[in-house]
Amino acid sequence: AAIGDFTAETMYGNPEVGSLVPCTTAGKYCLVGAWLVGEDQHTP
């Protein structure tokens, strides 16, 4: 089991056409996410 891409990002600009940028601002929404990869990727 392994942790793949692991980021903390927010949308910049219009959410429909904006791009993801690193979180740097207090009071702004961020999505922290990690992809789980490997043979046992479905384990807790």
ModelCIF file with pLDDT and N, C-alpha, C, O atoms, coordinates in Angstrom:
data_MODEL
#
_entry.id   MODEL 
#
_entity.id                         1 
_entity.type                       polymer 
_entity.pdbx_number_of_molecules   1 
#
_entity_poly.entity_id                      1 
_entity_poly.type                           'polypeptide(L)' 
_entity_poly.nstd_linkage                   no 
_entity_poly.nstd_monomer                   no 
_entity_poly.pdbx_seq_one_letter_code       AAIGDFTAETMYGNPEVGSLVPCTTAGKYCLVGAWLVGEDQHTP 
_entity_poly.pdbx_seq_one_letter_code_can   AAIGDFTAETMYGNPEVGSLVPCTTAGKYCLVGAWLVGEDQHTP 
_entity_poly.pdbx_strand_id                 A 
#
loop_
_entity_poly_seq.entity_id 
_entity_poly_seq.num 
_entity_poly_seq.mon_id 
_entity_poly_seq.hetero 
1 1  ALA n 
1 2  ALA n 
1 3  ILE n 
1 4  GLY n 
1 5  ASP n 
1 6  PHE n 
1 7  THR n 
1 8  ALA n 
1 9  GLU n 
1 10 THR n 
1 11 MET n 
1 12 TYR n 
1 13 GLY n 
1 14 ASN n 
1 15 PRO n 
1 16 GLU n 
1 17 VAL n 
1 18 GLY n 
1 19 SER n 
1 20 LEU n 
1 21 VAL n 
1 22 PRO n 
1 23 CYS n 
1 24 THR n 
1 25 THR n 
1 26 ALA n 
1 27 GLY n 
1 28 LYS n 
1 29 TYR n 
1 30 CYS n 
1 31 LEU n 
1 32 VAL n 
1 33 GLY n 
1 34 ALA n 
1 35 TRP n 
1 36 LEU n 
1 37 VAL n 
1 38 GLY n 
1 39 GLU n 
1 40 ASP n 
1 41 GLN n 
1 42 HIS n 
1 43 THR n 
1 44 PRO n 
#
_struct_asym.id          A 
_struct_asym.entity_id   1 
#
loop_
_ma_qa_metric.id 
_ma_qa_metric.mode 
_ma_qa_metric.name 
_ma_qa_metric.software_group_id 
_ma_qa_metric.type 
1 global pLDDT . pLDDT 
2 local  pLDDT . pLDDT 
#
_ma_qa_metric_global.metric_id      1 
_ma_qa_metric_global.metric_value   81.48 
_ma_qa_metric_global.model_id       1 
_ma_qa_metric_global.ordinal_id     1 
#
loop_
_ma_qa_metric_local.label_asym_id 
_ma_qa_metric_local.label_comp_id 
_ma_qa_metric_local.label_seq_id 
_ma_qa_metric_local.metric_id 
_ma_qa_metric_local.metric_value 
_ma_qa_metric_local.model_id 
_ma_qa_metric_local.ordinal_id 
A ALA 1  2 74.00 1 1  
A ALA 2  2 84.00 1 2  
A ILE 3  2 84.00 1 3  
A GLY 4  2 84.00 1 4  
A ASP 5  2 83.00 1 5  
A PHE 6  2 85.00 1 6  
A THR 7  2 80.00 1 7  
A ALA 8  2 83.00 1 8  
A GLU 9  2 81.00 1 9  
A THR 10 2 78.00 1 10 
A MET 11 2 63.00 1 11 
A TYR 12 2 58.00 1 12 
A GLY 13 2 54.00 1 13 
A ASN 14 2 51.00 1 14 
A PRO 15 2 54.00 1 15 
A GLU 16 2 58.00 1 16 
A VAL 17 2 56.00 1 17 
A GLY 18 2 59.00 1 18 
A SER 19 2 70.00 1 19 
A LEU 20 2 78.00 1 20 
A VAL 21 2 83.00 1 21 
A PRO 22 2 88.00 1 22 
A CYS 23 2 90.00 1 23 
A THR 24 2 92.00 1 24 
A THR 25 2 93.00 1 25 
A ALA 26 2 95.00 1 26 
A GLY 27 2 93.00 1 27 
A LYS 28 2 91.00 1 28 
A TYR 29 2 90.00 1 29 
A CYS 30 2 91.00 1 30 
A LEU 31 2 89.00 1 31 
A VAL 32 2 92.00 1 32 
A GLY 33 2 91.00 1 33 
A ALA 34 2 92.00 1 34 
A TRP 35 2 90.00 1 35 
A LEU 36 2 91.00 1 36 
A VAL 37 2 90.00 1 37 
A GLY 38 2 88.00 1 38 
A GLU 39 2 87.00 1 39 
A ASP 40 2 86.00 1 40 
A GLN 41 2 89.00 1 41 
A HIS 42 2 91.00 1 42 
A THR 43 2 92.00 1 43 
A PRO 44 2 94.00 1 44 
#
loop_
_atom_site.group_PDB 
_atom_site.id 
_atom_site.type_symbol 
_atom_site.label_atom_id 
_atom_site.label_alt_id 
_atom_site.label_comp_id 
_atom_site.label_asym_id 
_atom_site.label_entity_id 
_atom_site.label_seq_id 
_atom_site.pdbx_PDB_ins_code 
_atom_site.Cartn_x 
_atom_site.Cartn_y 
_atom_site.Cartn_z 
_atom_site.occupancy 
_atom_site.B_iso_or_equiv 
_atom_site.pdbx_formal_charge 
_atom_site.auth_seq_id 
_atom_site.auth_comp_id 
_atom_site.auth_asym_id 
_atom_site.auth_atom_id 
_atom_site.pdbx_PDB_model_num 
ATOM 1   N N  . ALA A 1 1  ? 0.883   -1.152 0.000   1.00 74.00 ? 1  ALA A N  1 
ATOM 2   C CA . ALA A 1 1  ? 0.000   0.000  0.000   1.00 74.00 ? 1  ALA A CA 1 
ATOM 3   C C  . ALA A 1 1  ? 0.922   1.204  0.000   1.00 74.00 ? 1  ALA A C  1 
ATOM 4   O O  . ALA A 1 1  ? 1.973   1.180  0.642   1.00 74.00 ? 1  ALA A O  1 
ATOM 5   N N  . ALA A 1 2  ? 0.550   2.241  -0.701  1.00 84.00 ? 2  ALA A N  1 
ATOM 6   C CA . ALA A 1 2  ? 1.424   3.400  -0.764  1.00 84.00 ? 2  ALA A CA 1 
ATOM 7   C C  . ALA A 1 2  ? 0.592   4.662  -0.923  1.00 84.00 ? 2  ALA A C  1 
ATOM 8   O O  . ALA A 1 2  ? -0.543  4.618  -1.398  1.00 84.00 ? 2  ALA A O  1 
ATOM 9   N N  . ILE A 1 3  ? 1.165   5.771  -0.526  1.00 84.00 ? 3  ILE A N  1 
ATOM 10  C CA . ILE A 1 3  ? 0.561   7.072  -0.714  1.00 84.00 ? 3  ILE A CA 1 
ATOM 11  C C  . ILE A 1 3  ? 1.123   7.628  -2.018  1.00 84.00 ? 3  ILE A C  1 
ATOM 12  O O  . ILE A 1 3  ? 2.339   7.747  -2.169  1.00 84.00 ? 3  ILE A O  1 
ATOM 13  N N  . GLY A 1 4  ? 0.256   7.965  -2.949  1.00 84.00 ? 4  GLY A N  1 
ATOM 14  C CA . GLY A 1 4  ? 0.683   8.524  -4.231  1.00 84.00 ? 4  GLY A CA 1 
ATOM 15  C C  . GLY A 1 4  ? 0.790   10.037 -4.134  1.00 84.00 ? 4  GLY A C  1 
ATOM 16  O O  . GLY A 1 4  ? 1.352   10.561 -3.172  1.00 84.00 ? 4  GLY A O  1 
ATOM 17  N N  . ASP A 1 5  ? 0.252   10.747 -5.133  1.00 83.00 ? 5  ASP A N  1 
ATOM 18  C CA . ASP A 1 5  ? 0.267   12.211 -5.119  1.00 83.00 ? 5  ASP A CA 1 
ATOM 19  C C  . ASP A 1 5  ? -0.443  12.712 -3.878  1.00 83.00 ? 5  ASP A C  1 
ATOM 20  O O  . ASP A 1 5  ? -1.518  12.223 -3.532  1.00 83.00 ? 5  ASP A O  1 
ATOM 21  N N  . PHE A 1 6  ? 0.159   13.692 -3.203  1.00 85.00 ? 6  PHE A N  1 
ATOM 22  C CA . PHE A 1 6  ? -0.361  14.219 -1.947  1.00 85.00 ? 6  PHE A CA 1 
ATOM 23  C C  . PHE A 1 6  ? -0.197  15.731 -2.011  1.00 85.00 ? 6  PHE A C  1 
ATOM 24  O O  . PHE A 1 6  ? 0.931   16.223 -2.012  1.00 85.00 ? 6  PHE A O  1 
ATOM 25  N N  . THR A 1 7  ? -1.305  16.485 -2.064  1.00 80.00 ? 7  THR A N  1 
ATOM 26  C CA . THR A 1 7  ? -1.228  17.925 -2.264  1.00 80.00 ? 7  THR A CA 1 
ATOM 27  C C  . THR A 1 7  ? -2.223  18.682 -1.392  1.00 80.00 ? 7  THR A C  1 
ATOM 28  O O  . THR A 1 7  ? -3.171  18.103 -0.862  1.00 80.00 ? 7  THR A O  1 
ATOM 29  N N  . ALA A 1 8  ? -1.992  19.972 -1.255  1.00 83.00 ? 8  ALA A N  1 
ATOM 30  C CA . ALA A 1 8  ? -2.933  20.904 -0.636  1.00 83.00 ? 8  ALA A CA 1 
ATOM 31  C C  . ALA A 1 8  ? -3.068  22.046 -1.633  1.00 83.00 ? 8  ALA A C  1 
ATOM 32  O O  . ALA A 1 8  ? -2.144  22.839 -1.814  1.00 83.00 ? 8  ALA A O  1 
ATOM 33  N N  . GLU A 1 9  ? -4.234  22.123 -2.282  1.00 81.00 ? 9  GLU A N  1 
ATOM 34  C CA . GLU A 1 9  ? -4.404  23.090 -3.362  1.00 81.00 ? 9  GLU A CA 1 
ATOM 35  C C  . GLU A 1 9  ? -5.739  23.804 -3.265  1.00 81.00 ? 9  GLU A C  1 
ATOM 36  O O  . GLU A 1 9  ? -6.655  23.362 -2.571  1.00 81.00 ? 9  GLU A O  1 
ATOM 37  N N  . THR A 1 10 ? -5.826  24.921 -3.979  1.00 78.00 ? 10 THR A N  1 
ATOM 38  C CA . THR A 1 10 ? -7.055  25.681 -4.069  1.00 78.00 ? 10 THR A CA 1 
ATOM 39  C C  . THR A 1 10 ? -7.254  26.109 -5.515  1.00 78.00 ? 10 THR A C  1 
ATOM 40  O O  . THR A 1 10 ? -6.314  26.088 -6.309  1.00 78.00 ? 10 THR A O  1 
ATOM 41  N N  . MET A 1 11 ? -8.464  26.493 -5.850  1.00 63.00 ? 11 MET A N  1 
ATOM 42  C CA . MET A 1 11 ? -8.744  26.969 -7.205  1.00 63.00 ? 11 MET A CA 1 
ATOM 43  C C  . MET A 1 11 ? -8.383  28.444 -7.307  1.00 63.00 ? 11 MET A C  1 
ATOM 44  O O  . MET A 1 11 ? -8.608  29.214 -6.373  1.00 63.00 ? 11 MET A O  1 
ATOM 45  N N  . TYR A 1 12 ? -7.832  28.824 -8.429  1.00 58.00 ? 12 TYR A N  1 
ATOM 46  C CA . TYR A 1 12 ? -7.514  30.218 -8.690  1.00 58.00 ? 12 TYR A CA 1 
ATOM 47  C C  . TYR A 1 12 ? -8.379  30.672 -9.857  1.00 58.00 ? 12 TYR A C  1 
ATOM 48  O O  . TYR A 1 12 ? -8.376  30.041 -10.914 1.00 58.00 ? 12 TYR A O  1 
ATOM 49  N N  . GLY A 1 13 ? -9.104  31.740 -9.676  1.00 54.00 ? 13 GLY A N  1 
ATOM 50  C CA . GLY A 1 13 ? -9.952  32.234 -10.754 1.00 54.00 ? 13 GLY A CA 1 
ATOM 51  C C  . GLY A 1 13 ? -11.283 31.511 -10.786 1.00 54.00 ? 13 GLY A C  1 
ATOM 52  O O  . GLY A 1 13 ? -11.730 30.977 -9.771  1.00 54.00 ? 13 GLY A O  1 
ATOM 53  N N  . ASN A 1 14 ? -11.902 31.492 -11.922 1.00 51.00 ? 14 ASN A N  1 
ATOM 54  C CA . ASN A 1 14 ? -13.193 30.846 -12.121 1.00 51.00 ? 14 ASN A CA 1 
ATOM 55  C C  . ASN A 1 14 ? -13.043 29.347 -11.922 1.00 51.00 ? 14 ASN A C  1 
ATOM 56  O O  . ASN A 1 14 ? -12.228 28.727 -12.605 1.00 51.00 ? 14 ASN A O  1 
ATOM 57  N N  . PRO A 1 15 ? -13.806 28.733 -11.003 1.00 54.00 ? 15 PRO A N  1 
ATOM 58  C CA . PRO A 1 15 ? -13.659 27.298 -10.740 1.00 54.00 ? 15 PRO A CA 1 
ATOM 59  C C  . PRO A 1 15 ? -13.843 26.424 -11.976 1.00 54.00 ? 15 PRO A C  1 
ATOM 60  O O  . PRO A 1 15 ? -13.293 25.325 -12.042 1.00 54.00 ? 15 PRO A O  1 
ATOM 61  N N  . GLU A 1 16 ? -14.614 26.900 -12.957 1.00 58.00 ? 16 GLU A N  1 
ATOM 62  C CA . GLU A 1 16 ? -14.827 26.082 -14.142 1.00 58.00 ? 16 GLU A CA 1 
ATOM 63  C C  . GLU A 1 16 ? -13.633 26.097 -15.086 1.00 58.00 ? 16 GLU A C  1 
ATOM 64  O O  . GLU A 1 16 ? -13.412 25.135 -15.821 1.00 58.00 ? 16 GLU A O  1 
ATOM 65  N N  . VAL A 1 17 ? -12.868 27.173 -15.072 1.00 56.00 ? 17 VAL A N  1 
ATOM 66  C CA . VAL A 1 17 ? -11.720 27.260 -15.981 1.00 56.00 ? 17 VAL A CA 1 
ATOM 67  C C  . VAL A 1 17 ? -10.423 27.563 -15.241 1.00 56.00 ? 17 VAL A C  1 
ATOM 68  O O  . VAL A 1 17 ? -9.363  27.668 -15.858 1.00 56.00 ? 17 VAL A O  1 
ATOM 69  N N  . GLY A 1 18 ? -10.506 27.705 -13.919 1.00 59.00 ? 18 GLY A N  1 
ATOM 70  C CA . GLY A 1 18 ? -9.326  28.047 -13.129 1.00 59.00 ? 18 GLY A CA 1 
ATOM 71  C C  . GLY A 1 18 ? -8.354  26.894 -13.036 1.00 59.00 ? 18 GLY A C  1 
ATOM 72  O O  . GLY A 1 18 ? -8.621  25.787 -13.504 1.00 59.00 ? 18 GLY A O  1 
ATOM 73  N N  . SER A 1 19 ? -7.234  27.175 -12.428 1.00 70.00 ? 19 SER A N  1 
ATOM 74  C CA . SER A 1 19 ? -6.238  26.134 -12.241 1.00 70.00 ? 19 SER A CA 1 
ATOM 75  C C  . SER A 1 19 ? -5.969  25.949 -10.750 1.00 70.00 ? 19 SER A C  1 
ATOM 76  O O  . SER A 1 19 ? -6.234  26.839 -9.942  1.00 70.00 ? 19 SER A O  1 
ATOM 77  N N  . LEU A 1 20 ? -5.447  24.795 -10.407 1.00 78.00 ? 20 LEU A N  1 
ATOM 78  C CA . LEU A 1 20 ? -5.114  24.520 -9.006  1.00 78.00 ? 20 LEU A CA 1 
ATOM 79  C C  . LEU A 1 20 ? -3.770  25.149 -8.671  1.00 78.00 ? 20 LEU A C  1 
ATOM 80  O O  . LEU A 1 20 ? -2.808  25.043 -9.432  1.00 78.00 ? 20 LEU A O  1 
ATOM 81  N N  . VAL A 1 21 ? -3.724  25.798 -7.528  1.00 83.00 ? 21 VAL A N  1 
ATOM 82  C CA . VAL A 1 21 ? -2.488  26.409 -7.044  1.00 83.00 ? 21 VAL A CA 1 
ATOM 83  C C  . VAL A 1 21 ? -2.314  26.019 -5.585  1.00 83.00 ? 21 VAL A C  1 
ATOM 84  O O  . VAL A 1 21 ? -3.290  25.678 -4.917  1.00 83.00 ? 21 VAL A O  1 
ATOM 85  N N  . PRO A 1 22 ? -1.080  26.066 -5.077  1.00 88.00 ? 22 PRO A N  1 
ATOM 86  C CA . PRO A 1 22 ? -0.859  25.714 -3.666  1.00 88.00 ? 22 PRO A CA 1 
ATOM 87  C C  . PRO A 1 22 ? -1.620  26.637 -2.719  1.00 88.00 ? 22 PRO A C  1 
ATOM 88  O O  . PRO A 1 22 ? -1.813  27.816 -3.014  1.00 88.00 ? 22 PRO A O  1 
ATOM 89  N N  . CYS A 1 23 ? -2.044  26.106 -1.602  1.00 90.00 ? 23 CYS A N  1 
ATOM 90  C CA . CYS A 1 23 ? -2.712  26.895 -0.567  1.00 90.00 ? 23 CYS A CA 1 
ATOM 91  C C  . CYS A 1 23 ? -1.693  27.793 0.109   1.00 90.00 ? 23 CYS A C  1 
ATOM 92  O O  . CYS A 1 23 ? -0.630  27.330 0.524   1.00 90.00 ? 23 CYS A O  1 
ATOM 93  N N  . THR A 1 24 ? -2.013  29.078 0.222   1.00 92.00 ? 24 THR A N  1 
ATOM 94  C CA . THR A 1 24 ? -1.110  30.018 0.900   1.00 92.00 ? 24 THR A CA 1 
ATOM 95  C C  . THR A 1 24 ? -1.867  31.046 1.725   1.00 92.00 ? 24 THR A C  1 
ATOM 96  O O  . THR A 1 24 ? -1.241  31.856 2.409   1.00 92.00 ? 24 THR A O  1 
ATOM 97  N N  . THR A 1 25 ? -3.210  31.038 1.681   1.00 93.00 ? 25 THR A N  1 
ATOM 98  C CA . THR A 1 25 ? -3.979  32.125 2.262   1.00 93.00 ? 25 THR A CA 1 
ATOM 99  C C  . THR A 1 25 ? -4.958  31.644 3.327   1.00 93.00 ? 25 THR A C  1 
ATOM 100 O O  . THR A 1 25 ? -5.794  30.776 3.075   1.00 93.00 ? 25 THR A O  1 
ATOM 101 N N  . ALA A 1 26 ? -4.838  32.226 4.527   1.00 95.00 ? 26 ALA A N  1 
ATOM 102 C CA . ALA A 1 26 ? -5.775  31.935 5.611   1.00 95.00 ? 26 ALA A CA 1 
ATOM 103 C C  . ALA A 1 26 ? -7.144  32.467 5.218   1.00 95.00 ? 26 ALA A C  1 
ATOM 104 O O  . ALA A 1 26 ? -7.249  33.540 4.623   1.00 95.00 ? 26 ALA A O  1 
ATOM 105 N N  . GLY A 1 27 ? -8.193  31.722 5.549   1.00 93.00 ? 27 GLY A N  1 
ATOM 106 C CA . GLY A 1 27 ? -9.546  32.124 5.234   1.00 93.00 ? 27 GLY A CA 1 
ATOM 107 C C  . GLY A 1 27 ? -10.011 31.691 3.855   1.00 93.00 ? 27 GLY A C  1 
ATOM 108 O O  . GLY A 1 27 ? -11.158 31.950 3.489   1.00 93.00 ? 27 GLY A O  1 
ATOM 109 N N  . LYS A 1 28 ? -9.157  31.040 3.081   1.00 91.00 ? 28 LYS A N  1 
ATOM 110 C CA . LYS A 1 28 ? -9.537  30.539 1.761   1.00 91.00 ? 28 LYS A CA 1 
ATOM 111 C C  . LYS A 1 28 ? -9.581  29.025 1.786   1.00 91.00 ? 28 LYS A C  1 
ATOM 112 O O  . LYS A 1 28 ? -8.739  28.376 2.407   1.00 91.00 ? 28 LYS A O  1 
ATOM 113 N N  . TYR A 1 29 ? -10.574 28.466 1.103   1.00 90.00 ? 29 TYR A N  1 
ATOM 114 C CA . TYR A 1 29 ? -10.756 27.018 1.043   1.00 90.00 ? 29 TYR A CA 1 
ATOM 115 C C  . TYR A 1 29 ? -9.561  26.332 0.377   1.00 90.00 ? 29 TYR A C  1 
ATOM 116 O O  . TYR A 1 29 ? -9.013  26.825 -0.609  1.00 90.00 ? 29 TYR A O  1 
ATOM 117 N N  . CYS A 1 30 ? -9.174  25.191 0.935   1.00 91.00 ? 30 CYS A N  1 
ATOM 118 C CA . CYS A 1 30 ? -8.133  24.341 0.362   1.00 91.00 ? 30 CYS A CA 1 
ATOM 119 C C  . CYS A 1 30 ? -8.630  22.894 0.368   1.00 91.00 ? 30 CYS A C  1 
ATOM 120 O O  . CYS A 1 30 ? -9.372  22.477 1.257   1.00 91.00 ? 30 CYS A O  1 
ATOM 121 N N  . LEU A 1 31 ? -8.210  22.158 -0.627  1.00 89.00 ? 31 LEU A N  1 
ATOM 122 C CA . LEU A 1 31 ? -8.495  20.730 -0.667  1.00 89.00 ? 31 LEU A CA 1 
ATOM 123 C C  . LEU A 1 31 ? -7.178  20.002 -0.449  1.00 89.00 ? 31 LEU A C  1 
ATOM 124 O O  . LEU A 1 31 ? -6.251  20.129 -1.249  1.00 89.00 ? 31 LEU A O  1 
ATOM 125 N N  . VAL A 1 32 ? -7.099  19.247 0.627   1.00 92.00 ? 32 VAL A N  1 
ATOM 126 C CA . VAL A 1 32 ? -5.922  18.441 0.911   1.00 92.00 ? 32 VAL A CA 1 
ATOM 127 C C  . VAL A 1 32 ? -6.282  17.021 0.511   1.00 92.00 ? 32 VAL A C  1 
ATOM 128 O O  . VAL A 1 32 ? -7.271  16.473 0.996   1.00 92.00 ? 32 VAL A O  1 
ATOM 129 N N  . GLY A 1 33 ? -5.495  16.424 -0.362  1.00 91.00 ? 33 GLY A N  1 
ATOM 130 C CA . GLY A 1 33 ? -5.845  15.098 -0.840  1.00 91.00 ? 33 GLY A CA 1 
ATOM 131 C C  . GLY A 1 33 ? -4.653  14.234 -1.142  1.00 91.00 ? 33 GLY A C  1 
ATOM 132 O O  . GLY A 1 33 ? -3.591  14.721 -1.532  1.00 91.00 ? 33 GLY A O  1 
ATOM 133 N N  . ALA A 1 34 ? -4.838  12.941 -0.958  1.00 92.00 ? 34 ALA A N  1 
ATOM 134 C CA . ALA A 1 34 ? -3.790  11.954 -1.248  1.00 92.00 ? 34 ALA A CA 1 
ATOM 135 C C  . ALA A 1 34 ? -4.417  10.790 -2.002  1.00 92.00 ? 34 ALA A C  1 
ATOM 136 O O  . ALA A 1 34 ? -5.452  10.263 -1.596  1.00 92.00 ? 34 ALA A O  1 
ATOM 137 N N  . TRP A 1 35 ? -3.790  10.397 -3.090  1.00 90.00 ? 35 TRP A N  1 
ATOM 138 C CA . TRP A 1 35 ? -4.203  9.200  -3.820  1.00 90.00 ? 35 TRP A CA 1 
ATOM 139 C C  . TRP A 1 35 ? -3.571  7.995  -3.165  1.00 90.00 ? 35 TRP A C  1 
ATOM 140 O O  . TRP A 1 35 ? -2.390  8.025  -2.821  1.00 90.00 ? 35 TRP A O  1 
ATOM 141 N N  . LEU A 1 36 ? -4.337  6.936  -2.986  1.00 91.00 ? 36 LEU A N  1 
ATOM 142 C CA . LEU A 1 36 ? -3.844  5.699  -2.399  1.00 91.00 ? 36 LEU A CA 1 
ATOM 143 C C  . LEU A 1 36 ? -3.572  4.737  -3.541  1.00 91.00 ? 36 LEU A C  1 
ATOM 144 O O  . LEU A 1 36 ? -4.454  4.475  -4.359  1.00 91.00 ? 36 LEU A O  1 
ATOM 145 N N  . VAL A 1 37 ? -2.361  4.213  -3.600  1.00 90.00 ? 37 VAL A N  1 
ATOM 146 C CA . VAL A 1 37 ? -1.954  3.371  -4.729  1.00 90.00 ? 37 VAL A CA 1 
ATOM 147 C C  . VAL A 1 37 ? -1.364  2.068  -4.226  1.00 90.00 ? 37 VAL A C  1 
ATOM 148 O O  . VAL A 1 37 ? -1.145  1.900  -3.026  1.00 90.00 ? 37 VAL A O  1 
ATOM 149 N N  . GLY A 1 38 ? -1.110  1.155  -5.135  1.00 88.00 ? 38 GLY A N  1 
ATOM 150 C CA . GLY A 1 38 ? -0.491  -0.115 -4.772  1.00 88.00 ? 38 GLY A CA 1 
ATOM 151 C C  . GLY A 1 38 ? -1.513  -1.231 -4.680  1.00 88.00 ? 38 GLY A C  1 
ATOM 152 O O  . GLY A 1 38 ? -2.719  -1.016 -4.803  1.00 88.00 ? 38 GLY A O  1 
ATOM 153 N N  . GLU A 1 39 ? -1.000  -2.411 -4.462  1.00 87.00 ? 39 GLU A N  1 
ATOM 154 C CA . GLU A 1 39 ? -1.829  -3.614 -4.423  1.00 87.00 ? 39 GLU A CA 1 
ATOM 155 C C  . GLU A 1 39 ? -2.911  -3.540 -3.346  1.00 87.00 ? 39 GLU A C  1 
ATOM 156 O O  . GLU A 1 39 ? -4.021  -4.036 -3.539  1.00 87.00 ? 39 GLU A O  1 
ATOM 157 N N  . ASP A 1 40 ? -2.584  -2.922 -2.223  1.00 86.00 ? 40 ASP A N  1 
ATOM 158 C CA . ASP A 1 40 ? -3.537  -2.818 -1.111  1.00 86.00 ? 40 ASP A CA 1 
ATOM 159 C C  . ASP A 1 40 ? -4.123  -1.417 -0.997  1.00 86.00 ? 40 ASP A C  1 
ATOM 160 O O  . ASP A 1 40 ? -4.395  -0.951 0.109   1.00 86.00 ? 40 ASP A O  1 
ATOM 161 N N  . GLN A 1 41 ? -4.321  -0.744 -2.117  1.00 89.00 ? 41 GLN A N  1 
ATOM 162 C CA . GLN A 1 41 ? -4.783  0.637  -2.093  1.00 89.00 ? 41 GLN A CA 1 
ATOM 163 C C  . GLN A 1 41 ? -6.148  0.820  -1.453  1.00 89.00 ? 41 GLN A C  1 
ATOM 164 O O  . GLN A 1 41 ? -6.513  1.935  -1.079  1.00 89.00 ? 41 GLN A O  1 
ATOM 165 N N  . HIS A 1 42 ? -6.904  -0.255 -1.322  1.00 91.00 ? 42 HIS A N  1 
ATOM 166 C CA . HIS A 1 42 ? -8.252  -0.150 -0.743  1.00 91.00 ? 42 HIS A CA 1 
ATOM 167 C C  . HIS A 1 42 ? -8.272  -0.369 0.774   1.00 91.00 ? 42 HIS A C  1 
ATOM 168 O O  . HIS A 1 42 ? -9.347  -0.403 1.372   1.00 91.00 ? 42 HIS A O  1 
ATOM 169 N N  . THR A 1 43 ? -7.117  -0.516 1.395   1.00 92.00 ? 43 THR A N  1 
ATOM 170 C CA . THR A 1 43 ? -7.081  -0.707 2.846   1.00 92.00 ? 43 THR A CA 1 
ATOM 171 C C  . THR A 1 43 ? -7.249  0.649  3.542   1.00 92.00 ? 43 THR A C  1 
ATOM 172 O O  . THR A 1 43 ? -6.998  1.686  2.929   1.00 92.00 ? 43 THR A O  1 
ATOM 173 N N  . PRO A 1 44 ? -7.666  0.655  4.802   1.00 94.00 ? 44 PRO A N  1 
ATOM 174 C CA . PRO A 1 44 ? -7.902  1.916  5.510   1.00 94.00 ? 44 PRO A CA 1 
ATOM 175 C C  . PRO A 1 44 ? -6.676  2.833  5.516   1.00 94.00 ? 44 PRO A C  1 
ATOM 176 O O  . PRO A 1 44 ? -6.728  3.929  6.075   1.00 94.00 ? 44 PRO A O  1 
#
